[in-house]
Amino acid sequence: MHENEKIIRAAYQVAEDQDVAGWIAAFTEDGTFTDESIPHTYRGPEELGQTVEVYAKAFPDMHRELEKFYVVDNTVIVQLRLQGTHTGPLELPTGAVPPTGKRMDAPCCDVFELVDGKIKRFDCYAEGSVIAKQLGLA
């Protein structure tokens, strides 16, 4: 297994463990996470932890089913599925989505850029239309 794949697998585990400090530590000081389904970019240590907190609150049983990894130099691309039950409010920049009690199992593609073993840029392409339909929002 490529070293950069190990780094990203560890970052997913930190998110799954809802370890906010560990998640922030996985990024460079100027690291970013863009949720392309919203779209919104979280920047730096002050904002990056929000991503773990928001999804842990909305989907306490959130699981990321990692399917395939593609590693090219310092870029890691991951095909995965986001799985969880919407039992808490989903806080988005546009407002809160009340819990629906419904389960999601949505395809996603994540693209990571690494610098010196840390995440500099993370672009998440979650299939928002599938998530909205599964949660009964569409």
Protein backbone atom coordinates (compact mmCIF):
# COMPACT_ATOMS: atom_id res chain seq x y z
CA MET A 1 0.00 0.00 0.00
CA HIS A 2 1.31 3.44 -0.96
CA GLU A 3 2.21 5.72 1.97
CA ASN A 4 -0.22 8.42 0.83
CA GLU A 5 -3.06 5.88 0.79
CA LYS A 6 -2.21 4.97 4.40
CA ILE A 7 -2.36 8.65 5.38
CA ILE A 8 -5.81 9.08 3.83
CA ARG A 9 -7.13 5.82 5.31
CA ALA A 10 -6.00 7.07 8.72
CA ALA A 11 -7.79 10.41 8.14
CA TYR A 12 -11.04 8.61 7.30
CA GLN A 13 -10.71 6.59 10.52
CA VAL A 14 -10.18 9.77 12.53
CA ALA A 15 -13.37 11.24 11.00
CA GLU A 16 -15.27 8.02 11.68
CA ASP A 17 -14.06 8.12 15.31
CA GLN A 18 -15.38 11.71 15.46
CA ASP A 19 -11.94 12.87 16.64
CA VAL A 20 -12.12 16.57 15.80
CA ALA A 21 -8.59 17.41 17.02
CA GLY A 22 -7.16 14.46 15.08
CA TRP A 23 -9.03 15.54 11.95
CA ILE A 24 -7.65 19.08 12.17
CA ALA A 25 -4.14 17.69 12.78
CA ALA A 26 -4.37 15.68 9.53
CA PHE A 27 -4.35 18.96 7.55
CA THR A 28 -1.68 21.54 6.80
CA GLU A 29 -2.08 24.85 8.62
CA ASP A 30 -3.67 26.36 5.48
CA GLY A 31 -5.58 23.20 4.53
CA THR A 32 -9.04 23.31 2.98
CA PHE A 33 -12.02 20.99 2.72
CA THR A 34 -14.58 21.78 0.02
CA ASP A 35 -17.93 20.03 0.14
CA GLU A 36 -18.87 20.37 -3.51
CA SER A 37 -22.46 19.21 -2.89
CA ILE A 38 -23.29 22.34 -0.87
CA PRO A 39 -20.89 24.01 -2.14
CA HIS A 40 -18.84 25.35 0.76
CA THR A 41 -15.14 25.50 1.63
CA TYR A 42 -13.91 25.11 5.20
CA ARG A 43 -10.50 26.71 5.74
CA GLY A 44 -7.83 26.25 8.39
CA PRO A 45 -7.98 24.88 11.92
CA GLU A 46 -10.84 27.17 12.97
CA GLU A 47 -13.25 25.71 10.39
CA LEU A 48 -12.03 22.20 9.47
CA GLY A 49 -13.33 20.62 12.68
CA GLN A 50 -16.86 21.79 11.85
CA THR A 51 -17.09 19.17 9.11
CA VAL A 52 -16.66 16.27 11.54
CA GLU A 53 -18.95 17.88 14.13
CA VAL A 54 -21.76 18.65 11.67
CA TYR A 55 -21.90 15.16 10.16
CA ALA A 56 -21.45 13.41 13.52
CA LYS A 57 -24.43 15.35 14.90
CA ALA A 58 -26.66 14.71 11.86
CA PHE A 59 -25.52 11.10 11.26
CA PRO A 60 -24.15 9.69 14.55
CA ASP A 61 -23.73 6.28 12.87
CA MET A 62 -21.92 7.76 9.83
CA HIS A 63 -19.78 5.23 8.00
CA ARG A 64 -17.58 5.79 4.99
CA GLU A 65 -17.41 2.59 2.94
CA LEU A 66 -14.09 2.94 1.12
CA GLU A 67 -14.24 1.18 -2.24
CA LYS A 68 -11.26 2.14 -4.43
CA PHE A 69 -8.11 4.20 -4.08
CA TYR A 70 -6.12 5.80 -6.89
CA VAL A 71 -2.76 7.32 -5.98
CA VAL A 72 -0.76 9.53 -8.33
CA ASP A 73 2.20 11.26 -6.68
CA ASN A 74 0.70 13.50 -3.96
CA THR A 75 -2.89 13.12 -5.14
CA VAL A 76 -5.20 10.48 -3.71
CA ILE A 77 -8.64 9.85 -5.22
CA VAL A 78 -11.13 7.69 -3.34
CA GLN A 79 -14.41 6.18 -4.49
CA LEU A 80 -16.61 5.56 -1.47
CA ARG A 81 -20.15 5.44 -0.13
CA LEU A 82 -21.47 7.69 2.63
CA GLN A 83 -23.77 5.70 4.88
CA GLY A 84 -25.72 6.79 7.93
CA THR A 85 -29.07 7.52 9.53
CA HIS A 86 -30.24 11.14 9.69
CA THR A 87 -31.21 11.37 13.36
CA GLY A 88 -29.93 14.87 14.17
CA PRO A 89 -30.12 18.30 12.56
CA LEU A 90 -27.86 18.73 9.53
CA GLU A 91 -26.35 22.21 9.87
CA LEU A 92 -25.51 23.63 6.46
CA PRO A 93 -24.31 27.14 5.56
CA THR A 94 -27.80 27.73 4.11
CA GLY A 95 -29.61 26.59 7.28
CA ALA A 96 -30.47 23.47 9.26
CA VAL A 97 -32.18 20.40 7.82
CA PRO A 98 -34.28 18.76 10.56
CA PRO A 99 -33.75 15.02 11.16
CA THR A 100 -35.73 12.77 8.85
CA GLY A 101 -34.90 9.44 10.51
CA LYS A 102 -34.06 8.10 7.05
CA ARG A 103 -30.94 6.27 5.99
CA MET A 104 -28.56 7.35 3.28
CA ASP A 105 -26.19 5.24 1.23
CA ALA A 106 -24.79 7.62 -1.35
CA PRO A 107 -21.87 7.46 -3.79
CA CYS A 108 -19.04 9.89 -3.29
CA CYS A 109 -15.65 10.68 -4.79
CA ASP A 110 -13.00 12.42 -2.69
CA VAL A 111 -9.85 14.04 -4.05
CA PHE A 112 -6.96 14.80 -1.70
CA GLU A 113 -3.77 16.78 -2.29
CA LEU A 114 -1.01 15.99 0.21
CA VAL A 115 2.01 18.04 1.21
CA ASP A 116 4.62 16.57 3.54
CA GLY A 117 2.25 13.86 4.75
CA LYS A 118 -0.66 16.20 5.51
CA ILE A 119 -3.82 17.12 3.64
CA LYS A 120 -3.52 20.49 1.93
CA ARG A 121 -6.71 20.23 -0.10
CA PHE A 122 -9.69 17.92 0.17
CA ASP A 123 -12.51 18.16 -2.39
CA CYS A 124 -15.54 16.01 -1.58
CA TYR A 125 -17.93 15.24 -4.42
CA ALA A 126 -20.81 13.65 -2.52
CA GLU A 127 -23.83 12.91 -4.70
CA GLY A 128 -26.10 15.52 -3.12
CA SER A 129 -29.12 14.70 -5.28
CA VAL A 130 -29.00 11.05 -4.15
CA ILE A 131 -28.64 12.10 -0.52
CA ALA A 132 -31.57 14.54 -0.81
CA LYS A 133 -33.77 11.87 -2.40
CA GLN A 134 -32.87 9.20 0.15
CA LEU A 135 -33.60 11.61 3.01
CA GLY A 136 -36.91 12.59 1.44
CA LEU A 137 -35.83 16.18 0.79
CA ALA A 138 -36.21 16.12 -2.99
